[in-house]
PDB file of N, CA and C in Angstrom:
ATOM      1  N   MET A   1       1.882   4.783 -20.271  1.00  0.00           N
ATOM      2  CA  MET A   1       1.084   5.512 -19.581  1.00  0.00           C
ATOM      3  C   MET A   1       0.651   4.574 -18.600  1.00  0.00           C
ATOM      4  N   LYS A   2       0.874   5.431 -17.240  1.00  0.00           N
ATOM      5  CA  LYS A   2       0.466   4.517 -15.886  1.00  0.00           C
ATOM      6  C   LYS A   2      -0.754   5.325 -15.410  1.00  0.00           C
ATOM      7  N   VAL A   3      -1.508   4.288 -14.730  1.00  0.00           N
ATOM      8  CA  VAL A   3      -2.946   4.940 -14.141  1.00  0.00           C
ATOM      9  C   VAL A   3      -2.606   4.586 -12.799  1.00  0.00           C
ATOM     10  N   TYR A   4      -2.972   5.335 -11.754  1.00  0.00           N
ATOM     11  CA  TYR A   4      -2.622   4.973 -10.548  1.00  0.00           C
ATOM     12  C   TYR A   4      -4.047   5.248  -9.737  1.00  0.00           C
ATOM     13  N   GLY A   5      -4.210   4.313  -8.971  1.00  0.00           N
ATOM     14  CA  GLY A   5      -5.618   4.310  -8.095  1.00  0.00           C
ATOM     15  C   GLY A   5      -5.687   3.081  -7.371  1.00  0.00           C
ATOM     16  N   ILE A   6      -7.323   2.724  -6.735  1.00  0.00           N
ATOM     17  CA  ILE A   6      -7.211   1.638  -6.319  1.00  0.00           C
ATOM     18  C   ILE A   6      -8.698   1.015  -7.140  1.00  0.00           C
ATOM     19  N   THR A   7      -8.836  -0.147  -6.798  1.00  0.00           N
ATOM     20  CA  THR A   7      -9.883  -1.035  -7.717  1.00  0.00           C
ATOM     21  C   THR A   7     -11.222  -0.837  -7.370  1.00  0.00           C
ATOM     22  N   THR A   8     -11.423  -0.346  -5.801  1.00  0.00           N
ATOM     23  CA  THR A   8     -12.664  -0.096  -5.528  1.00  0.00           C
ATOM     24  C   THR A   8     -13.391   1.252  -5.757  1.00  0.00           C
ATOM     25  N   CYS A   9     -12.539   2.331  -6.378  1.00  0.00           N
ATOM     26  CA  CYS A   9     -12.917   3.560  -6.465  1.00  0.00           C
ATOM     27  C   CYS A   9     -13.792   3.721  -7.679  1.00  0.00           C
ATOM     28  N   GLY A  10     -14.832   4.301  -7.675  1.00  0.00           N
ATOM     29  CA  GLY A  10     -15.622   4.639  -8.680  1.00  0.00           C
ATOM     30  C   GLY A  10     -15.029   5.316  -9.920  1.00  0.00           C
ATOM     31  N   SER A  11     -14.075   6.529  -9.724  1.00  0.00           N
ATOM     32  CA  SER A  11     -13.724   7.302 -10.819  1.00  0.00           C
ATOM     33  C   SER A  11     -12.426   6.303 -11.421  1.00  0.00           C
ATOM     34  N   VAL A  12     -11.703   5.503 -10.677  1.00  0.00           N
ATOM     35  CA  VAL A  12     -10.598   4.738 -11.104  1.00  0.00           C
ATOM     36  C   VAL A  12     -11.253   3.684 -12.009  1.00  0.00           C
ATOM     37  N   LYS A  13     -12.578   3.067 -11.815  1.00  0.00           N
ATOM     38  CA  LYS A  13     -13.184   2.295 -12.508  1.00  0.00           C
ATOM     39  C   LYS A  13     -13.711   2.767 -13.887  1.00  0.00           C
ATOM     40  N   LYS A  14     -14.112   4.031 -13.708  1.00  0.00           N
ATOM     41  CA  LYS A  14     -14.731   4.643 -14.887  1.00  0.00           C
ATOM     42  C   LYS A  14     -13.412   4.872 -15.959  1.00  0.00           C
ATOM     43  N   ALA A  15     -12.363   5.385 -15.410  1.00  0.00           N
ATOM     44  CA  ALA A  15     -11.185   5.866 -16.217  1.00  0.00           C
ATOM     45  C   ALA A  15     -10.314   4.558 -16.915  1.00  0.00           C
ATOM     46  N   LEU A  16     -10.555   3.378 -16.210  1.00  0.00           N
ATOM     47  CA  LEU A  16      -9.866   1.971 -16.861  1.00  0.00           C
ATOM     48  C   LEU A  16     -10.833   1.591 -17.891  1.00  0.00           C
ATOM     49  N   ALA A  17     -12.260   1.583 -17.662  1.00  0.00           N
ATOM     50  CA  ALA A  17     -13.465   1.471 -18.684  1.00  0.00           C
ATOM     51  C   ALA A  17     -13.179   2.436 -19.977  1.00  0.00           C
ATOM     52  N   PHE A  18     -12.899   3.639 -19.636  1.00  0.00           N
ATOM     53  CA  PHE A  18     -12.642   4.340 -20.877  1.00  0.00           C
ATOM     54  C   PHE A  18     -11.323   4.020 -21.585  1.00  0.00           C
ATOM     55  N   PHE A  19     -10.363   3.854 -21.065  1.00  0.00           N
ATOM     56  CA  PHE A  19      -9.083   3.415 -21.780  1.00  0.00           C
ATOM     57  C   PHE A  19      -9.346   1.918 -22.318  1.00  0.00           C
ATOM     58  N   LYS A  20     -10.059   1.051 -21.737  1.00  0.00           N
ATOM     59  CA  LYS A  20     -10.409  -0.219 -22.103  1.00  0.00           C
ATOM     60  C   LYS A  20     -11.259  -0.114 -23.696  1.00  0.00           C
ATOM     61  N   ALA A  21     -12.503   0.679 -23.479  1.00  0.00           N
ATOM     62  CA  ALA A  21     -13.223   0.864 -24.242  1.00  0.00           C
ATOM     63  C   ALA A  21     -12.740   1.414 -25.524  1.00  0.00           C
ATOM     64  N   ASN A  22     -11.463   2.145 -25.623  1.00  0.00           N
ATOM     65  CA  ASN A  22     -11.064   2.948 -26.712  1.00  0.00           C
ATOM     66  C   ASN A  22      -9.724   2.418 -27.166  1.00  0.00           C
ATOM     67  N   ASN A  23      -9.196   1.374 -26.675  1.00  0.00           N
ATOM     68  CA  ASN A  23      -8.002   0.573 -26.577  1.00  0.00           C
ATOM     69  C   ASN A  23      -7.090   1.420 -26.460  1.00  0.00           C
ATOM     70  N   ILE A  24      -6.739   2.005 -25.315  1.00  0.00           N
ATOM     71  CA  ILE A  24      -5.757   3.009 -24.876  1.00  0.00           C
ATOM     72  C   ILE A  24      -4.733   2.237 -24.049  1.00  0.00           C
ATOM     73  N   PRO A  25      -3.476   1.816 -24.486  1.00  0.00           N
ATOM     74  CA  PRO A  25      -2.628   0.903 -23.581  1.00  0.00           C
ATOM     75  C   PRO A  25      -2.399   1.996 -22.522  1.00  0.00           C
ATOM     76  N   HIS A  26      -2.392   1.160 -21.282  1.00  0.00           N
ATOM     77  CA  HIS A  26      -1.937   1.661 -19.816  1.00  0.00           C
ATOM     78  C   HIS A  26      -1.605   0.683 -19.304  1.00  0.00           C
ATOM     79  N   THR A  27      -0.720   0.859 -18.077  1.00  0.00           N
ATOM     80  CA  THR A  27      -0.595   0.208 -16.842  1.00  0.00           C
ATOM     81  C   THR A  27      -1.093   0.691 -15.463  1.00  0.00           C
ATOM     82  N   PHE A  28      -1.598  -0.047 -15.138  1.00  0.00           N
ATOM     83  CA  PHE A  28      -2.512   0.080 -13.713  1.00  0.00           C
ATOM     84  C   PHE A  28      -1.671  -0.251 -12.473  1.00  0.00           C
ATOM     85  N   VAL A  29      -1.511   0.749 -11.598  1.00  0.00           N
ATOM     86  CA  VAL A  29      -0.932   0.919 -10.445  1.00  0.00           C
ATOM     87  C   VAL A  29      -1.888   0.788  -9.218  1.00  0.00           C
ATOM     88  N   ASP A  30      -1.982  -0.073  -8.444  1.00  0.00           N
ATOM     89  CA  ASP A  30      -2.707  -0.444  -7.466  1.00  0.00           C
ATOM     90  C   ASP A  30      -2.033   0.496  -6.255  1.00  0.00           C
ATOM     91  N   LEU A  31      -2.498   1.472  -5.748  1.00  0.00           N
ATOM     92  CA  LEU A  31      -1.822   2.189  -4.595  1.00  0.00           C
ATOM     93  C   LEU A  31      -1.774   1.187  -3.435  1.00  0.00           C
ATOM     94  N   LYS A  32      -2.933   0.624  -3.254  1.00  0.00           N
ATOM     95  CA  LYS A  32      -2.850  -0.444  -2.101  1.00  0.00           C
ATOM     96  C   LYS A  32      -1.775  -1.244  -1.865  1.00  0.00           C
ATOM     97  N   LYS A  33      -1.783  -1.886  -3.360  1.00  0.00           N
ATOM     98  CA  LYS A  33      -0.363  -3.006  -3.066  1.00  0.00           C
ATOM     99  C   LYS A  33       0.860  -2.398  -3.511  1.00  0.00           C
ATOM    100  N   GLU A  34       0.919  -1.148  -4.310  1.00  0.00           N
ATOM    101  CA  GLU A  34       2.336  -0.711  -4.595  1.00  0.00           C
ATOM    102  C   GLU A  34       2.097   1.071  -4.243  1.00  0.00           C
ATOM    103  N   PRO A  35       2.428   1.440  -3.156  1.00  0.00           N
ATOM    104  CA  PRO A  35       2.222   2.695  -2.410  1.00  0.00           C
ATOM    105  C   PRO A  35       3.313   3.721  -3.143  1.00  0.00           C
ATOM    106  N   VAL A  36       3.099   4.706  -3.690  1.00  0.00           N
ATOM    107  CA  VAL A  36       4.025   5.677  -4.156  1.00  0.00           C
ATOM    108  C   VAL A  36       5.046   6.372  -3.186  1.00  0.00           C
ATOM    109  N   SER A  37       5.840   6.846  -3.559  1.00  0.00           N
ATOM    110  CA  SER A  37       6.912   7.488  -2.745  1.00  0.00           C
ATOM    111  C   SER A  37       6.225   9.025  -2.555  1.00  0.00           C
ATOM    112  N   ARG A  38       7.054   9.791  -1.636  1.00  0.00           N
ATOM    113  CA  ARG A  38       6.953  11.145  -1.417  1.00  0.00           C
ATOM    114  C   ARG A  38       7.550  12.012  -2.716  1.00  0.00           C
ATOM    115  N   ALA A  39       8.743  11.204  -3.249  1.00  0.00           N
ATOM    116  CA  ALA A  39       9.221  11.877  -4.309  1.00  0.00           C
ATOM    117  C   ALA A  39       8.349  11.728  -5.672  1.00  0.00           C
ATOM    118  N   THR A  40       7.630  10.882  -5.837  1.00  0.00           N
ATOM    119  CA  THR A  40       6.667  10.763  -6.944  1.00  0.00           C
ATOM    120  C   THR A  40       5.475  11.766  -6.969  1.00  0.00           C
ATOM    121  N   ILE A  41       5.164  11.824  -5.452  1.00  0.00           N
ATOM    122  CA  ILE A  41       4.017  12.689  -5.140  1.00  0.00           C
ATOM    123  C   ILE A  41       4.323  14.012  -5.365  1.00  0.00           C
ATOM    124  N   GLU A  42       5.760  14.403  -5.101  1.00  0.00           N
ATOM    125  CA  GLU A  42       6.493  15.673  -5.291  1.00  0.00           C
ATOM    126  C   GLU A  42       6.356  16.071  -6.823  1.00  0.00           C
ATOM    127  N   GLY A  43       6.802  15.151  -7.374  1.00  0.00           N
ATOM    128  CA  GLY A  43       6.777  15.300  -8.838  1.00  0.00           C
ATOM    129  C   GLY A  43       5.485  15.493  -9.393  1.00  0.00           C
ATOM    130  N   TRP A  44       4.577  14.776  -8.969  1.00  0.00           N
ATOM    131  CA  TRP A  44       3.016  15.220  -9.436  1.00  0.00           C
ATOM    132  C   TRP A  44       2.688  16.685  -8.968  1.00  0.00           C
ATOM    133  N   ALA A  45       2.968  17.003  -7.847  1.00  0.00           N
ATOM    134  CA  ALA A  45       2.463  18.331  -7.275  1.00  0.00           C
ATOM    135  C   ALA A  45       3.303  19.400  -8.192  1.00  0.00           C
ATOM    136  N   ALA A  46       4.551  19.159  -8.704  1.00  0.00           N
ATOM    137  CA  ALA A  46       5.143  19.953  -9.327  1.00  0.00           C
ATOM    138  C   ALA A  46       4.587  20.419 -10.917  1.00  0.00           C
ATOM    139  N   LYS A  47       3.360  19.541 -11.243  1.00  0.00           N
ATOM    140  CA  LYS A  47       2.688  19.661 -12.489  1.00  0.00           C
ATOM    141  C   LYS A  47       1.238  19.968 -12.380  1.00  0.00           C
ATOM    142  N   VAL A  48       0.685  19.579 -11.007  1.00  0.00           N
ATOM    143  CA  VAL A  48      -0.769  20.128 -10.869  1.00  0.00           C
ATOM    144  C   VAL A  48      -0.668  20.533  -9.348  1.00  0.00           C
ATOM    145  N   PRO A  49      -1.790  21.622  -9.087  1.00  0.00           N
ATOM    146  CA  PRO A  49      -1.735  22.201  -8.067  1.00  0.00           C
ATOM    147  C   PRO A  49      -1.919  21.050  -6.791  1.00  0.00           C
ATOM    148  N   LEU A  50      -1.322  21.161  -5.567  1.00  0.00           N
ATOM    149  CA  LEU A  50      -1.095  20.134  -4.530  1.00  0.00           C
ATOM    150  C   LEU A  50      -2.889  20.181  -4.046  1.00  0.00           C
ATOM    151  N   GLU A  51      -3.560  21.149  -4.121  1.00  0.00           N
ATOM    152  CA  GLU A  51      -5.026  20.993  -4.113  1.00  0.00           C
ATOM    153  C   GLU A  51      -5.850  20.185  -4.873  1.00  0.00           C
ATOM    154  N   LYS A  52      -5.340  20.047  -5.815  1.00  0.00           N
ATOM    155  CA  LYS A  52      -5.926  19.158  -6.911  1.00  0.00           C
ATOM    156  C   LYS A  52      -5.686  17.598  -6.532  1.00  0.00           C
ATOM    157  N   LEU A  53      -4.378  17.576  -5.992  1.00  0.00           N
ATOM    158  CA  LEU A  53      -3.920  16.016  -5.634  1.00  0.00           C
ATOM    159  C   LEU A  53      -4.677  15.250  -4.187  1.00  0.00           C
ATOM    160  N   PHE A  54      -4.720  16.288  -3.312  1.00  0.00           N
ATOM    161  CA  PHE A  54      -5.211  15.964  -1.839  1.00  0.00           C
ATOM    162  C   PHE A  54      -6.572  15.934  -1.901  1.00  0.00           C
ATOM    163  N   ASN A  55      -7.045  14.705  -1.834  1.00  0.00           N
ATOM    164  CA  ASN A  55      -8.533  14.313  -1.693  1.00  0.00           C
ATOM    165  C   ASN A  55      -8.880  14.681  -0.304  1.00  0.00           C
ATOM    166  N   ASN A  56      -9.879  15.799  -0.025  1.00  0.00           N
ATOM    167  CA  ASN A  56     -10.240  16.189   0.942  1.00  0.00           C
ATOM    168  C   ASN A  56     -11.728  16.167   1.259  1.00  0.00           C
ATOM    169  N   LYS A  57     -12.229  14.999   0.353  1.00  0.00           N
ATOM    170  CA  LYS A  57     -13.569  14.611   0.232  1.00  0.00           C
ATOM    171  C   LYS A  57     -13.800  13.205   0.687  1.00  0.00           C
ATOM    172  N   GLY A  58     -12.843  12.456   0.705  1.00  0.00           N
ATOM    173  CA  GLY A  58     -12.760  11.030   0.817  1.00  0.00           C
ATOM    174  C   GLY A  58     -12.850  10.447   2.171  1.00  0.00           C
ATOM    175  N   THR A  59     -13.311   9.157   2.110  1.00  0.00           N
ATOM    176  CA  THR A  59     -13.436   8.386   3.576  1.00  0.00           C
ATOM    177  C   THR A  59     -12.246   8.559   4.419  1.00  0.00           C
ATOM    178  N   LYS A  60     -10.932   8.519   3.903  1.00  0.00           N
ATOM    179  CA  LYS A  60      -9.813   8.099   4.513  1.00  0.00           C
ATOM    180  C   LYS A  60      -9.454   9.946   5.467  1.00  0.00           C
ATOM    181  N   TYR A  61      -9.807  10.547   4.436  1.00  0.00           N
ATOM    182  CA  TYR A  61      -9.552  12.180   4.958  1.00  0.00           C
ATOM    183  C   TYR A  61     -10.478  12.362   6.321  1.00  0.00           C
ATOM    184  N   ARG A  62     -11.840  11.976   6.350  1.00  0.00           N
ATOM    185  CA  ARG A  62     -12.753  12.045   7.463  1.00  0.00           C
ATOM    186  C   ARG A  62     -12.395  11.186   8.445  1.00  0.00           C
ATOM    187  N   THR A  63     -11.949   9.974   8.275  1.00  0.00           N
ATOM    188  CA  THR A  63     -11.492   8.969   9.168  1.00  0.00           C
ATOM    189  C   THR A  63     -10.352   9.418   9.977  1.00  0.00           C
ATOM    190  N   LEU A  64      -9.401  10.255   9.257  1.00  0.00           N
ATOM    191  CA  LEU A  64      -8.246  10.767  10.021  1.00  0.00           C
ATOM    192  C   LEU A  64      -8.583  11.787  10.861  1.00  0.00           C
ATOM    193  N   GLY A  65      -9.646  12.300  10.456  1.00  0.00           N
ATOM    194  CA  GLY A  65     -10.081  13.769  11.131  1.00  0.00           C
ATOM    195  C   GLY A  65      -9.267  14.889  10.767  1.00  0.00           C
ATOM    196  N   LEU A  66      -8.868  14.790   9.632  1.00  0.00           N
ATOM    197  CA  LEU A  66      -8.145  15.941   8.843  1.00  0.00           C
ATOM    198  C   LEU A  66      -8.489  17.235   8.819  1.00  0.00           C
ATOM    199  N   ALA A  67     -10.032  17.291   8.687  1.00  0.00           N
ATOM    200  CA  ALA A  67     -10.742  18.526   8.443  1.00  0.00           C
ATOM    201  C   ALA A  67     -10.387  19.652   9.525  1.00  0.00           C
ATOM    202  N   LYS A  68     -10.168  19.051  10.862  1.00  0.00           N
ATOM    203  CA  LYS A  68      -9.940  19.843  12.113  1.00  0.00           C
ATOM    204  C   LYS A  68      -8.478  20.474  11.940  1.00  0.00           C
ATOM    205  N   GLU A  69      -7.495  20.068  11.128  1.00  0.00           N
ATOM    206  CA  GLU A  69      -6.307  20.314  10.931  1.00  0.00           C
ATOM    207  C   GLU A  69      -6.200  21.492  10.077  1.00  0.00           C
ATOM    208  N   ASN A  70      -5.226  22.492  10.347  1.00  0.00           N
ATOM    209  CA  ASN A  70      -5.117  23.487   9.514  1.00  0.00           C
ATOM    210  C   ASN A  70      -3.525  22.999   8.677  1.00  0.00           C
ATOM    211  N   LEU A  71      -4.026  22.261   7.746  1.00  0.00           N
ATOM    212  CA  LEU A  71      -2.535  21.764   6.940  1.00  0.00           C
ATOM    213  C   LEU A  71      -1.916  22.395   6.010  1.00  0.00           C
ATOM    214  N   SER A  72      -0.815  22.618   6.188  1.00  0.00           N
ATOM    215  CA  SER A  72       0.222  23.356   5.192  1.00  0.00           C
ATOM    216  C   SER A  72       0.487  22.387   4.172  1.00  0.00           C
ATOM    217  N   ASP A  73       1.089  22.959   3.132  1.00  0.00           N
ATOM    218  CA  ASP A  73       1.569  22.023   1.995  1.00  0.00           C
ATOM    219  C   ASP A  73       2.542  21.197   2.329  1.00  0.00           C
ATOM    220  N   THR A  74       3.271  21.377   3.072  1.00  0.00           N
ATOM    221  CA  THR A  74       4.318  20.062   3.749  1.00  0.00           C
ATOM    222  C   THR A  74       3.700  19.426   4.391  1.00  0.00           C
ATOM    223  N   ASP A  75       2.602  19.553   5.168  1.00  0.00           N
ATOM    224  CA  ASP A  75       1.680  18.949   5.914  1.00  0.00           C
ATOM    225  C   ASP A  75       0.979  17.926   4.978  1.00  0.00           C
ATOM    226  N   LYS A  76       0.279  18.379   3.916  1.00  0.00           N
ATOM    227  CA  LYS A  76      -0.357  17.599   2.867  1.00  0.00           C
ATOM    228  C   LYS A  76       0.443  16.555   2.262  1.00  0.00           C
ATOM    229  N   LEU A  77       1.789  17.048   1.911  1.00  0.00           N
ATOM    230  CA  LEU A  77       2.727  16.325   1.286  1.00  0.00           C
ATOM    231  C   LEU A  77       3.180  14.936   2.034  1.00  0.00           C
ATOM    232  N   ASP A  78       3.329  15.515   3.197  1.00  0.00           N
ATOM    233  CA  ASP A  78       3.701  14.478   4.509  1.00  0.00           C
ATOM    234  C   ASP A  78       2.687  13.337   4.643  1.00  0.00           C
ATOM    235  N   TRP A  79       1.332  13.685   4.719  1.00  0.00           N
ATOM    236  CA  TRP A  79       0.171  13.029   4.791  1.00  0.00           C
ATOM    237  C   TRP A  79      -0.081  12.044   3.503  1.00  0.00           C
ATOM    238  N   LEU A  80      -0.028  12.739   2.014  1.00  0.00           N
ATOM    239  CA  LEU A  80      -0.209  11.836   0.900  1.00  0.00           C
ATOM    240  C   LEU A  80       0.867  10.769   0.839  1.00  0.00           C
ATOM    241  N   ALA A  81       2.251  11.138   1.592  1.00  0.00           N
ATOM    242  CA  ALA A  81       3.264   9.720   1.084  1.00  0.00           C
ATOM    243  C   ALA A  81       2.811   8.921   2.342  1.00  0.00           C
ATOM    244  N   LYS A  82       2.173   9.362   3.316  1.00  0.00           N
ATOM    245  CA  LYS A  82       2.103   8.375   4.486  1.00  0.00           C
ATOM    246  C   LYS A  82       0.858   7.531   4.237  1.00  0.00           C
ATOM    247  N   GLU A  83      -0.270   8.173   3.761  1.00  0.00           N
ATOM    248  CA  GLU A  83      -1.466   7.691   3.303  1.00  0.00           C
ATOM    249  C   GLU A  83      -1.947   7.946   1.903  1.00  0.00           C
ATOM    250  N   ASN A  84      -1.203   6.961   1.225  1.00  0.00           N
ATOM    251  CA  ASN A  84      -1.418   7.170  -0.329  1.00  0.00           C
ATOM    252  C   ASN A  84      -3.200   7.313  -0.776  1.00  0.00           C
ATOM    253  N   LEU A  85      -3.846   6.659   0.376  1.00  0.00           N
ATOM    254  CA  LEU A  85      -5.598   6.910   0.076  1.00  0.00           C
ATOM    255  C   LEU A  85      -5.889   8.269   0.093  1.00  0.00           C
ATOM    256  N   LEU A  86      -5.273   9.245   0.587  1.00  0.00           N
ATOM    257  CA  LEU A  86      -5.415  10.697   0.434  1.00  0.00           C
ATOM    258  C   LEU A  86      -5.316  11.092  -0.935  1.00  0.00           C
ATOM    259  N   ILE A  87      -4.587  10.498  -1.585  1.00  0.00           N
ATOM    260  CA  ILE A  87      -4.490  10.954  -3.248  1.00  0.00           C
ATOM    261  C   ILE A  87      -5.899  11.108  -3.800  1.00  0.00           C
ATOM    262  N   LYS A  88      -6.042  11.994  -4.700  1.00  0.00           N
ATOM    263  CA  LYS A  88      -7.318  11.956  -5.478  1.00  0.00           C
ATOM    264  C   LYS A  88      -6.943  11.019  -6.617  1.00  0.00           C
ATOM    265  N   ARG A  89      -7.986  10.186  -7.084  1.00  0.00           N
ATOM    266  CA  ARG A  89      -7.906   9.231  -7.807  1.00  0.00           C
ATOM    267  C   ARG A  89      -8.729   9.417  -9.182  1.00  0.00           C
ATOM    268  N   PRO A  90      -8.631   9.008 -10.257  1.00  0.00           N
ATOM    269  CA  PRO A  90      -7.095   8.293 -10.534  1.00  0.00           C
ATOM    270  C   PRO A  90      -6.134   9.367 -11.047  1.00  0.00           C
ATOM    271  N   ILE A  91      -4.809   9.076 -10.907  1.00  0.00           N
ATOM    272  CA  ILE A  91      -3.711   9.780 -11.319  1.00  0.00           C
ATOM    273  C   ILE A  91      -3.178   9.160 -12.818  1.00  0.00           C
ATOM    274  N   VAL A  92      -3.157  10.074 -13.711  1.00  0.00           N
ATOM    275  CA  VAL A  92      -2.678   9.279 -15.048  1.00  0.00           C
ATOM    276  C   VAL A  92      -1.287   9.877 -15.384  1.00  0.00           C
ATOM    277  N   GLU A  93      -0.389   9.244 -15.503  1.00  0.00           N
ATOM    278  CA  GLU A  93       0.983   9.851 -15.902  1.00  0.00           C
ATOM    279  C   GLU A  93       1.012   9.515 -17.549  1.00  0.00           C
ATOM    280  N   LEU A  94       1.223  10.649 -18.248  1.00  0.00           N
ATOM    281  CA  LEU A  94       0.952  10.541 -19.646  1.00  0.00           C
ATOM    282  C   LEU A  94       2.822  10.134 -20.136  1.00  0.00           C
ATOM    283  N   ASP A  95       2.496   9.616 -21.152  1.00  0.00           N
ATOM    284  CA  ASP A  95       3.838   9.287 -21.897  1.00  0.00           C
ATOM    285  C   ASP A  95       4.731  10.739 -21.880  1.00  0.00           C
ATOM    286  N   ASP A  96       4.179  11.669 -22.321  1.00  0.00           N
ATOM    287  CA  ASP A  96       4.896  13.292 -22.430  1.00  0.00           C
ATOM    288  C   ASP A  96       5.211  13.770 -21.016  1.00  0.00           C
ATOM    289  N   GLY A  97       4.998  12.891 -19.749  1.00  0.00           N
ATOM    290  CA  GLY A  97       5.448  13.438 -18.570  1.00  0.00           C
ATOM    291  C   GLY A  97       4.217  14.299 -17.914  1.00  0.00           C
ATOM    292  N   SER A  98       3.323  14.829 -18.508  1.00  0.00           N
ATOM    293  CA  SER A  98       2.053  15.506 -17.968  1.00  0.00           C
ATOM    294  C   SER A  98       1.503  14.465 -17.065  1.00  0.00           C
ATOM    295  N   VAL A  99       0.693  15.171 -16.221  1.00  0.00           N
ATOM    296  CA  VAL A  99      -0.078  14.361 -15.432  1.00  0.00           C
ATOM    297  C   VAL A  99      -1.669  14.922 -15.358  1.00  0.00           C
ATOM    298  N   MET A 100      -2.478  13.949 -15.360  1.00  0.00           N
ATOM    299  CA  MET A 100      -3.971  14.116 -15.027  1.00  0.00           C
ATOM    300  C   MET A 100      -4.514  13.840 -13.587  1.00  0.00           C
ATOM    301  N   VAL A 101      -5.512  14.394 -13.156  1.00  0.00           N
ATOM    302  CA  VAL A 101      -5.870  14.054 -11.956  1.00  0.00           C
ATOM    303  C   VAL A 101      -7.396  14.020 -11.931  1.00  0.00           C
ATOM    304  N   ALA A 102      -8.152  13.083 -11.430  1.00  0.00           N
ATOM    305  CA  ALA A 102      -9.484  12.702 -11.569  1.00  0.00           C
ATOM    306  C   ALA A 102     -10.186  12.172 -12.753  1.00  0.00           C
ATOM    307  N   PHE A 103     -11.285  11.689 -12.965  1.00  0.00           N
ATOM    308  CA  PHE A 103     -11.761  11.372 -14.287  1.00  0.00           C
ATOM    309  C   PHE A 103     -13.024  12.529 -14.794  1.00  0.00           C
ATOM    310  N   ASP A 104     -12.541  12.767 -15.728  1.00  0.00           N
ATOM    311  CA  ASP A 104     -13.346  13.686 -16.540  1.00  0.00           C
ATOM    312  C   ASP A 104     -13.616  13.151 -18.011  1.00  0.00           C
ATOM    313  N   GLU A 105     -14.494  12.767 -18.193  1.00  0.00           N
ATOM    314  CA  GLU A 105     -14.955  11.965 -19.608  1.00  0.00           C
ATOM    315  C   GLU A 105     -14.364  12.921 -20.630  1.00  0.00           C
ATOM    316  N   THR A 106     -14.997  14.290 -20.527  1.00  0.00           N
ATOM    317  CA  THR A 106     -14.608  15.254 -21.879  1.00  0.00           C
ATOM    318  C   THR A 106     -13.435  15.541 -22.061  1.00  0.00           C
ATOM    319  N   LEU A 107     -12.737  15.794 -20.863  1.00  0.00           N
ATOM    320  CA  LEU A 107     -11.090  15.838 -20.897  1.00  0.00           C
ATOM    321  C   LEU A 107     -10.522  14.707 -21.495  1.00  0.00           C
ATOM    322  N   TYR A 108     -10.710  13.531 -21.102  1.00  0.00           N
ATOM    323  CA  TYR A 108     -10.308  12.412 -21.603  1.00  0.00           C
ATOM    324  C   TYR A 108     -10.519  12.259 -23.129  1.00  0.00           C
ATOM    325  N   GLN A 109     -11.646  12.793 -23.619  1.00  0.00           N
ATOM    326  CA  GLN A 109     -11.750  12.522 -25.044  1.00  0.00           C
ATOM    327  C   GLN A 109     -10.886  13.500 -25.768  1.00  0.00           C
ATOM    328  N   LYS A 110     -11.033  14.453 -25.375  1.00  0.00           N
ATOM    329  CA  LYS A 110     -10.153  15.576 -26.032  1.00  0.00           C
ATOM    330  C   LYS A 110      -8.788  15.030 -25.797  1.00  0.00           C
ATOM    331  N   THR A 111      -8.011  14.755 -24.632  1.00  0.00           N
ATOM    332  CA  THR A 111      -6.878  14.293 -24.485  1.00  0.00           C
ATOM    333  C   THR A 111      -6.503  13.184 -25.709  1.00  0.00           C
ATOM    334  N   PHE A 112      -7.003  12.338 -25.637  1.00  0.00           N
ATOM    335  CA  PHE A 112      -6.816  11.095 -26.270  1.00  0.00           C
ATOM    336  C   PHE A 112      -7.522  10.863 -27.765  1.00  0.00           C
ATOM    337  N   GLY A 113      -8.255  11.934 -28.205  1.00  0.00           N
ATOM    338  CA  GLY A 113      -8.634  12.075 -29.338  1.00  0.00           C
ATOM    339  C   GLY A 113      -9.750  11.026 -30.004  1.00  0.00           C
ATOM    340  N   VAL A 114     -10.580  10.929 -29.057  1.00  0.00           N
ATOM    341  CA  VAL A 114     -11.812  10.102 -29.094  1.00  0.00           C
ATOM    342  C   VAL A 114     -12.976  10.641 -28.925  1.00  0.00           C
TER     343      VAL A 114
END
């Protein structure tokens, strides 16, 4: 299982703490050090709605002034590939190929049986 995020994100910290506390093996991928490709993002978008992947509440979104833009899905994919910090975090790629977005403790407990 891979967990994608950045070390300064509160939701990522909560997810990593959850996995550690419950002895759930995972690999952490820091998006600042290892940006993901558009192909990876498109793979995630095939499994979860693009609206869920695109973080329109974060600092990077506001800094770039994207609220003023009328972004199409293609535009959003372009931005996610260009600016990985627009990806809602954490992204968890499960071993079965499914993808979870954001930290939801209740969903994590149910998914991981803890």
